[in-house]
Amino acid sequence: MLKRTIMLGLFAAVASTSYAKDEPHHFNFNQAVQNATDAGAIDGSVKFYLADTRSGGKLIRANVITNRKTNGFAKSAETSCDWAIRAALIQLQQSAKAQGANAVTNIVSYFRKNEYRSRTDYECYKGTAVSAVTLKGDFVKF
């Protein structure tokens, strides 16, 4: 009986934390791009610009959205969000190149269709088990 009570208590504790609210975190976007480049995750052939930081060029495709998640369990927001933004940048680079673009401009964070605009930061949401980065931007050819 004691074993069953302990197991039920552990289950309740895990269940309550697994549905913890996603909390927003803001990190430097250019540093994230540099980290991804330094790690060899992206090759630098596609440039990334947050909203209101670069315009011009020929628009190839507007409002492209990428949503990347990573395991955030027992990881800091900084570590797990770095993995999520890296995955988002990889996908944006691959998709942009496939469509003939060499830049992604007008990038905003777009978690659950809520736009977060910044000239310096991206937004990452971290829960107990998952961290997520959603970006929206335009593919451009300069």
N, C-alpha and C. Protein backbone atom coordinates (compact mmCIF):
# COMPACT_ATOMS: atom_id res chain seq x y z
N MET A 1 0.83 -1.20 0.00
CA MET A 1 0.00 0.00 0.00
C MET A 1 0.87 1.26 0.00
N LEU A 2 1.94 1.25 0.79
CA LEU A 2 2.83 2.39 0.85
C LEU A 2 3.48 2.63 -0.51
N LYS A 3 3.86 1.54 -1.17
CA LYS A 3 4.49 1.65 -2.49
C LYS A 3 3.53 2.29 -3.49
N ARG A 4 2.27 1.88 -3.42
CA ARG A 4 1.27 2.44 -4.33
C ARG A 4 1.04 3.92 -4.05
N THR A 5 1.01 4.32 -2.79
CA THR A 5 0.83 5.72 -2.41
C THR A 5 2.00 6.56 -2.91
N ILE A 6 3.21 6.06 -2.78
CA ILE A 6 4.39 6.78 -3.25
C ILE A 6 4.33 6.93 -4.77
N MET A 7 3.97 5.86 -5.46
CA MET A 7 3.89 5.91 -6.92
C MET A 7 2.83 6.92 -7.38
N LEU A 8 1.69 6.93 -6.72
CA LEU A 8 0.65 7.90 -7.08
C LEU A 8 1.11 9.33 -6.82
N GLY A 9 1.83 9.54 -5.74
CA GLY A 9 2.37 10.86 -5.44
C GLY A 9 3.38 11.31 -6.48
N LEU A 10 4.26 10.40 -6.89
CA LEU A 10 5.23 10.72 -7.94
C LEU A 10 4.55 11.02 -9.26
N PHE A 11 3.53 10.22 -9.59
CA PHE A 11 2.79 10.45 -10.82
C PHE A 11 2.13 11.83 -10.81
N ALA A 12 1.53 12.20 -9.70
CA ALA A 12 0.87 13.50 -9.59
C ALA A 12 1.88 14.63 -9.74
N ALA A 13 3.06 14.48 -9.15
CA ALA A 13 4.09 15.51 -9.25
C ALA A 13 4.56 15.66 -10.70
N VAL A 14 4.80 14.56 -11.37
CA VAL A 14 5.24 14.60 -12.76
C VAL A 14 4.15 15.17 -13.65
N ALA A 15 2.92 14.75 -13.44
CA ALA A 15 1.81 15.23 -14.26
C ALA A 15 1.62 16.73 -14.11
N SER A 16 1.77 17.24 -12.91
CA SER A 16 1.56 18.67 -12.71
C SER A 16 2.67 19.49 -13.35
N THR A 17 3.89 18.99 -13.37
CA THR A 17 4.97 19.76 -13.99
C THR A 17 5.01 19.58 -15.49
N SER A 18 4.49 18.48 -16.01
CA SER A 18 4.56 18.27 -17.45
C SER A 18 3.63 19.22 -18.20
N TYR A 19 2.69 19.80 -17.51
CA TYR A 19 1.79 20.76 -18.14
C TYR A 19 2.10 22.19 -17.71
N ALA A 20 3.33 22.42 -17.29
CA ALA A 20 3.70 23.75 -16.86
C ALA A 20 3.58 24.73 -18.03
N LYS A 21 3.24 25.93 -17.71
CA LYS A 21 3.03 26.97 -18.73
C LYS A 21 4.34 27.29 -19.43
N ASP A 22 4.25 27.48 -20.75
CA ASP A 22 5.40 27.92 -21.51
C ASP A 22 5.73 29.35 -21.11
N GLU A 23 7.00 29.59 -20.83
CA GLU A 23 7.45 30.92 -20.44
C GLU A 23 8.29 31.53 -21.56
N PRO A 24 8.06 32.80 -21.91
CA PRO A 24 8.85 33.42 -22.96
C PRO A 24 10.24 33.82 -22.46
N HIS A 25 11.22 33.65 -23.33
CA HIS A 25 12.59 34.07 -23.07
C HIS A 25 13.06 34.80 -24.32
N HIS A 26 13.91 35.80 -24.12
CA HIS A 26 14.42 36.59 -25.24
C HIS A 26 15.94 36.51 -25.26
N PHE A 27 16.47 36.19 -26.44
CA PHE A 27 17.91 36.06 -26.60
C PHE A 27 18.35 36.81 -27.85
N ASN A 28 19.62 37.17 -27.89
CA ASN A 28 20.18 37.93 -29.00
C ASN A 28 20.17 37.11 -30.28
N PHE A 29 19.51 37.63 -31.30
CA PHE A 29 19.37 36.92 -32.56
C PHE A 29 20.69 36.81 -33.31
N ASN A 30 21.44 37.90 -33.42
CA ASN A 30 22.71 37.85 -34.14
C ASN A 30 23.69 36.89 -33.49
N GLN A 31 23.67 36.81 -32.18
CA GLN A 31 24.54 35.86 -31.49
C GLN A 31 24.12 34.43 -31.81
N ALA A 32 22.82 34.19 -31.90
CA ALA A 32 22.32 32.85 -32.25
C ALA A 32 22.75 32.47 -33.66
N VAL A 33 22.68 33.42 -34.60
CA VAL A 33 23.12 33.16 -35.97
C VAL A 33 24.61 32.87 -35.98
N GLN A 34 25.38 33.64 -35.23
CA GLN A 34 26.82 33.42 -35.15
C GLN A 34 27.15 32.06 -34.54
N ASN A 35 26.44 31.69 -33.48
CA ASN A 35 26.64 30.37 -32.85
C ASN A 35 26.37 29.25 -33.84
N ALA A 36 25.29 29.38 -34.61
CA ALA A 36 24.93 28.35 -35.59
C ALA A 36 25.97 28.28 -36.71
N THR A 37 26.48 29.43 -37.11
CA THR A 37 27.52 29.46 -38.15
C THR A 37 28.82 28.84 -37.62
N ASP A 38 29.22 29.24 -36.42
CA ASP A 38 30.45 28.71 -35.82
C ASP A 38 30.39 27.19 -35.64
N ALA A 39 29.20 26.68 -35.35
CA ALA A 39 29.02 25.23 -35.15
C ALA A 39 28.92 24.47 -36.47
N GLY A 40 28.86 25.21 -37.59
CA GLY A 40 28.74 24.56 -38.89
C GLY A 40 27.32 24.14 -39.23
N ALA A 41 26.36 24.59 -38.46
CA ALA A 41 24.96 24.22 -38.71
C ALA A 41 24.41 24.96 -39.92
N ILE A 42 24.83 26.21 -40.11
CA ILE A 42 24.48 26.97 -41.31
C ILE A 42 25.78 27.45 -41.93
N ASP A 43 25.74 27.71 -43.24
CA ASP A 43 26.99 27.98 -43.95
C ASP A 43 27.25 29.44 -44.29
N GLY A 44 26.34 30.35 -43.94
CA GLY A 44 26.55 31.76 -44.21
C GLY A 44 26.11 32.21 -45.59
N SER A 45 25.64 31.28 -46.42
CA SER A 45 25.22 31.66 -47.77
C SER A 45 23.88 32.38 -47.79
N VAL A 46 23.12 32.24 -46.73
CA VAL A 46 21.85 32.95 -46.57
C VAL A 46 22.00 33.87 -45.37
N LYS A 47 21.67 35.13 -45.56
CA LYS A 47 21.75 36.12 -44.48
C LYS A 47 20.38 36.24 -43.82
N PHE A 48 20.40 36.56 -42.53
CA PHE A 48 19.17 36.66 -41.74
C PHE A 48 19.06 38.06 -41.15
N TYR A 49 17.87 38.67 -41.31
CA TYR A 49 17.64 40.03 -40.83
C TYR A 49 16.30 40.10 -40.10
N LEU A 50 16.36 40.61 -38.88
CA LEU A 50 15.13 40.81 -38.12
C LEU A 50 14.30 41.92 -38.74
N ALA A 51 13.04 41.99 -38.37
CA ALA A 51 12.13 43.01 -38.89
C ALA A 51 12.71 44.40 -38.66
N ASP A 52 12.53 45.26 -39.64
CA ASP A 52 12.94 46.65 -39.57
C ASP A 52 14.46 46.85 -39.58
N THR A 53 15.24 45.81 -39.96
CA THR A 53 16.69 45.97 -40.00
C THR A 53 17.25 45.90 -41.42
N ARG A 54 16.49 45.40 -42.39
CA ARG A 54 16.97 45.33 -43.77
C ARG A 54 15.78 45.24 -44.70
N SER A 55 15.85 45.98 -45.79
CA SER A 55 14.80 45.91 -46.78
C SER A 55 15.43 45.92 -48.17
N GLY A 56 14.59 45.80 -49.17
CA GLY A 56 15.08 45.80 -50.54
C GLY A 56 15.22 44.39 -51.07
N GLY A 57 15.78 44.29 -52.26
CA GLY A 57 15.91 42.99 -52.90
C GLY A 57 14.61 42.56 -53.54
N LYS A 58 14.68 41.45 -54.23
CA LYS A 58 13.49 40.91 -54.90
C LYS A 58 12.82 39.89 -53.99
N LEU A 59 11.56 40.13 -53.67
CA LEU A 59 10.81 39.22 -52.83
C LEU A 59 10.55 37.92 -53.58
N ILE A 60 10.97 36.82 -53.00
CA ILE A 60 10.75 35.50 -53.59
C ILE A 60 9.51 34.85 -52.98
N ARG A 61 9.39 34.95 -51.67
CA ARG A 61 8.24 34.36 -50.97
C ARG A 61 8.04 35.08 -49.64
N ALA A 62 6.82 35.49 -49.36
CA ALA A 62 6.52 36.23 -48.14
C ALA A 62 5.93 35.32 -47.07
N ASN A 63 6.11 35.73 -45.83
CA ASN A 63 5.48 35.10 -44.66
C ASN A 63 5.76 33.60 -44.54
N VAL A 64 7.01 33.24 -44.69
CA VAL A 64 7.41 31.84 -44.49
C VAL A 64 7.51 31.60 -42.99
N ILE A 65 6.97 30.49 -42.53
CA ILE A 65 6.95 30.19 -41.10
C ILE A 65 7.71 28.89 -40.84
N THR A 66 8.54 28.92 -39.82
CA THR A 66 9.19 27.70 -39.33
C THR A 66 8.92 27.60 -37.84
N ASN A 67 8.62 26.40 -37.39
CA ASN A 67 8.33 26.13 -35.99
C ASN A 67 9.19 24.96 -35.56
N ARG A 68 10.16 25.21 -34.71
CA ARG A 68 11.07 24.17 -34.28
C ARG A 68 11.03 24.03 -32.77
N LYS A 69 11.03 22.77 -32.35
CA LYS A 69 10.99 22.44 -30.93
C LYS A 69 12.17 21.54 -30.59
N THR A 70 12.56 21.58 -29.33
CA THR A 70 13.62 20.70 -28.86
C THR A 70 13.33 20.29 -27.42
N ASN A 71 13.97 19.25 -27.00
CA ASN A 71 13.83 18.76 -25.64
C ASN A 71 14.39 19.80 -24.68
N GLY A 72 13.57 20.28 -23.80
CA GLY A 72 14.00 21.27 -22.82
C GLY A 72 14.10 20.71 -21.42
N PHE A 73 13.84 19.42 -21.26
CA PHE A 73 13.81 18.82 -19.93
C PHE A 73 15.20 18.87 -19.30
N ALA A 74 15.29 19.40 -18.10
CA ALA A 74 16.52 19.49 -17.31
C ALA A 74 17.60 20.30 -18.03
N LYS A 75 17.19 21.23 -18.91
CA LYS A 75 18.13 22.12 -19.60
C LYS A 75 17.73 23.55 -19.30
N SER A 76 18.71 24.42 -19.32
CA SER A 76 18.41 25.84 -19.12
C SER A 76 17.68 26.36 -20.35
N ALA A 77 16.99 27.46 -20.18
CA ALA A 77 16.31 28.09 -21.32
C ALA A 77 17.33 28.48 -22.38
N GLU A 78 18.46 29.01 -21.96
CA GLU A 78 19.49 29.44 -22.92
C GLU A 78 19.97 28.27 -23.77
N THR A 79 20.25 27.13 -23.15
CA THR A 79 20.75 25.96 -23.89
C THR A 79 19.70 25.39 -24.82
N SER A 80 18.50 25.15 -24.31
CA SER A 80 17.48 24.52 -25.15
C SER A 80 16.97 25.49 -26.23
N CYS A 81 16.91 26.77 -25.93
CA CYS A 81 16.47 27.73 -26.94
C CYS A 81 17.52 27.88 -28.03
N ASP A 82 18.80 27.76 -27.68
CA ASP A 82 19.85 27.80 -28.70
C ASP A 82 19.68 26.65 -29.68
N TRP A 83 19.33 25.48 -29.18
CA TRP A 83 19.09 24.33 -30.08
C TRP A 83 17.88 24.57 -30.97
N ALA A 84 16.83 25.14 -30.41
CA ALA A 84 15.61 25.38 -31.19
C ALA A 84 15.83 26.44 -32.27
N ILE A 85 16.52 27.54 -31.93
CA ILE A 85 16.76 28.58 -32.94
C ILE A 85 17.69 28.04 -34.02
N ARG A 86 18.65 27.22 -33.63
CA ARG A 86 19.56 26.64 -34.62
C ARG A 86 18.78 25.79 -35.63
N ALA A 87 17.86 24.98 -35.14
CA ALA A 87 17.04 24.15 -36.03
C ALA A 87 16.18 25.02 -36.95
N ALA A 88 15.65 26.12 -36.42
CA ALA A 88 14.85 27.03 -37.24
C ALA A 88 15.70 27.69 -38.32
N LEU A 89 16.91 28.10 -37.97
CA LEU A 89 17.80 28.72 -38.95
C LEU A 89 18.22 27.74 -40.04
N ILE A 90 18.47 26.50 -39.65
CA ILE A 90 18.81 25.46 -40.64
C ILE A 90 17.67 25.30 -41.64
N GLN A 91 16.45 25.19 -41.13
CA GLN A 91 15.30 25.01 -42.02
C GLN A 91 15.11 26.22 -42.93
N LEU A 92 15.23 27.42 -42.37
CA LEU A 92 15.07 28.62 -43.19
C LEU A 92 16.15 28.69 -44.26
N GLN A 93 17.40 28.37 -43.91
CA GLN A 93 18.48 28.41 -44.90
C GLN A 93 18.22 27.41 -46.04
N GLN A 94 17.86 26.19 -45.68
CA GLN A 94 17.61 25.17 -46.71
C GLN A 94 16.45 25.56 -47.62
N SER A 95 15.37 26.05 -47.03
CA SER A 95 14.19 26.44 -47.83
C SER A 95 14.48 27.65 -48.70
N ALA A 96 15.19 28.63 -48.16
CA ALA A 96 15.53 29.83 -48.93
C ALA A 96 16.40 29.47 -50.14
N LYS A 97 17.42 28.66 -49.91
CA LYS A 97 18.31 28.25 -51.00
C LYS A 97 17.54 27.47 -52.07
N ALA A 98 16.65 26.61 -51.65
CA ALA A 98 15.86 25.81 -52.59
C ALA A 98 14.98 26.68 -53.48
N GLN A 99 14.61 27.86 -52.98
CA GLN A 99 13.75 28.76 -53.74
C GLN A 99 14.53 29.89 -54.42
N GLY A 100 15.85 29.83 -54.36
CA GLY A 100 16.67 30.82 -55.04
C GLY A 100 16.90 32.10 -54.28
N ALA A 101 16.61 32.12 -53.00
CA ALA A 101 16.81 33.31 -52.18
C ALA A 101 18.17 33.25 -51.49
N ASN A 102 18.71 34.41 -51.16
CA ASN A 102 19.97 34.44 -50.42
C ASN A 102 19.85 35.22 -49.11
N ALA A 103 18.61 35.53 -48.74
CA ALA A 103 18.37 36.23 -47.47
C ALA A 103 16.97 35.93 -46.97
N VAL A 104 16.84 36.00 -45.66
CA VAL A 104 15.53 35.96 -45.01
C VAL A 104 15.41 37.28 -44.27
N THR A 105 14.44 38.08 -44.65
CA THR A 105 14.28 39.42 -44.07
C THR A 105 12.95 39.50 -43.31
N ASN A 106 12.82 40.61 -42.59
CA ASN A 106 11.56 40.89 -41.88
C ASN A 106 11.21 39.76 -40.89
N ILE A 107 12.22 39.17 -40.26
CA ILE A 107 12.00 38.05 -39.34
C ILE A 107 11.40 38.55 -38.04
N VAL A 108 10.31 37.89 -37.64
CA VAL A 108 9.68 38.12 -36.34
C VAL A 108 9.46 36.77 -35.67
N SER A 109 9.41 36.79 -34.36
CA SER A 109 9.00 35.59 -33.64
C SER A 109 7.49 35.51 -33.75
N TYR A 110 6.98 34.27 -33.86
CA TYR A 110 5.56 34.11 -34.20
C TYR A 110 4.94 32.93 -33.44
N PHE A 111 5.25 32.78 -32.17
CA PHE A 111 4.77 31.67 -31.37
C PHE A 111 3.26 31.75 -31.20
N ARG A 112 2.58 30.66 -31.56
CA ARG A 112 1.12 30.57 -31.50
C ARG A 112 0.45 31.77 -32.18
N LYS A 113 1.03 32.19 -33.29
CA LYS A 113 0.54 33.30 -34.13
C LYS A 113 0.53 34.64 -33.41
N ASN A 114 1.31 34.75 -32.33
CA ASN A 114 1.48 36.03 -31.65
C ASN A 114 2.83 36.59 -32.06
N GLU A 115 2.81 37.74 -32.69
CA GLU A 115 4.03 38.32 -33.23
C GLU A 115 4.81 39.08 -32.17
N TYR A 116 6.11 38.80 -32.12
CA TYR A 116 7.05 39.53 -31.27
C TYR A 116 8.11 40.12 -32.18
N ARG A 117 8.17 41.46 -32.23
CA ARG A 117 9.13 42.16 -33.09
C ARG A 117 10.22 42.76 -32.23
N SER A 118 11.43 42.60 -32.69
CA SER A 118 12.57 43.21 -32.02
C SER A 118 13.67 43.42 -33.04
N ARG A 119 14.45 44.45 -32.85
CA ARG A 119 15.61 44.69 -33.72
C ARG A 119 16.82 43.89 -33.26
N THR A 120 16.73 43.26 -32.09
CA THR A 120 17.90 42.56 -31.54
C THR A 120 17.64 41.13 -31.09
N ASP A 121 16.42 40.82 -30.66
CA ASP A 121 16.16 39.54 -30.00
C ASP A 121 15.14 38.67 -30.72
N TYR A 122 15.24 37.38 -30.47
CA TYR A 122 14.19 36.43 -30.86
C TYR A 122 13.54 35.94 -29.59
N GLU A 123 12.36 35.38 -29.74
CA GLU A 123 11.60 34.88 -28.61
C GLU A 123 11.54 33.37 -28.66
N CYS A 124 11.78 32.76 -27.51
CA CYS A 124 11.71 31.30 -27.37
C CYS A 124 10.81 31.01 -26.18
N TYR A 125 9.96 30.02 -26.33
CA TYR A 125 9.10 29.61 -25.23
C TYR A 125 9.61 28.29 -24.67
N LYS A 126 9.80 28.26 -23.35
CA LYS A 126 10.29 27.06 -22.69
C LYS A 126 9.28 26.59 -21.65
N GLY A 127 8.92 25.33 -21.79
CA GLY A 127 8.09 24.68 -20.78
C GLY A 127 8.97 23.70 -20.02
N THR A 128 8.37 22.80 -19.29
CA THR A 128 9.12 21.83 -18.52
C THR A 128 9.87 20.86 -19.43
N ALA A 129 9.23 20.43 -20.49
CA ALA A 129 9.82 19.39 -21.33
C ALA A 129 10.23 19.86 -22.72
N VAL A 130 9.68 20.97 -23.20
CA VAL A 130 9.92 21.37 -24.58
C VAL A 130 10.23 22.86 -24.65
N SER A 131 11.16 23.20 -25.55
CA SER A 131 11.42 24.60 -25.89
C SER A 131 11.08 24.79 -27.36
N ALA A 132 10.50 25.93 -27.70
CA ALA A 132 10.03 26.15 -29.07
C ALA A 132 10.39 27.54 -29.57
N VAL A 133 10.78 27.58 -30.84
CA VAL A 133 11.03 28.84 -31.54
C VAL A 133 10.22 28.80 -32.83
N THR A 134 9.39 29.80 -33.03
CA THR A 134 8.64 29.95 -34.27
C THR A 134 9.04 31.29 -34.88
N LEU A 135 9.49 31.24 -36.13
CA LEU A 135 9.91 32.45 -36.83
C LEU A 135 9.08 32.61 -38.10
N LYS A 136 8.84 33.86 -38.46
CA LYS A 136 8.17 34.19 -39.73
C LYS A 136 9.02 35.25 -40.42
N GLY A 137 9.24 35.04 -41.72
CA GLY A 137 10.04 36.01 -42.47
C GLY A 137 9.80 35.89 -43.96
N ASP A 138 10.52 36.69 -44.72
CA ASP A 138 10.38 36.73 -46.17
C ASP A 138 11.68 36.26 -46.83
N PHE A 139 11.56 35.44 -47.87
CA PHE A 139 12.70 35.02 -48.67
C PHE A 139 12.95 36.11 -49.72
N VAL A 140 14.21 36.55 -49.81
CA VAL A 140 14.58 37.65 -50.68
C VAL A 140 15.86 37.29 -51.44
N LYS A 141 15.97 37.80 -52.65
CA LYS A 141 17.19 37.66 -53.45
C LYS A 141 17.79 39.06 -53.59
N PHE A 142 19.02 39.25 -53.06
CA PHE A 142 19.73 40.53 -53.18
C PHE A 142 20.64 40.46 -54.37
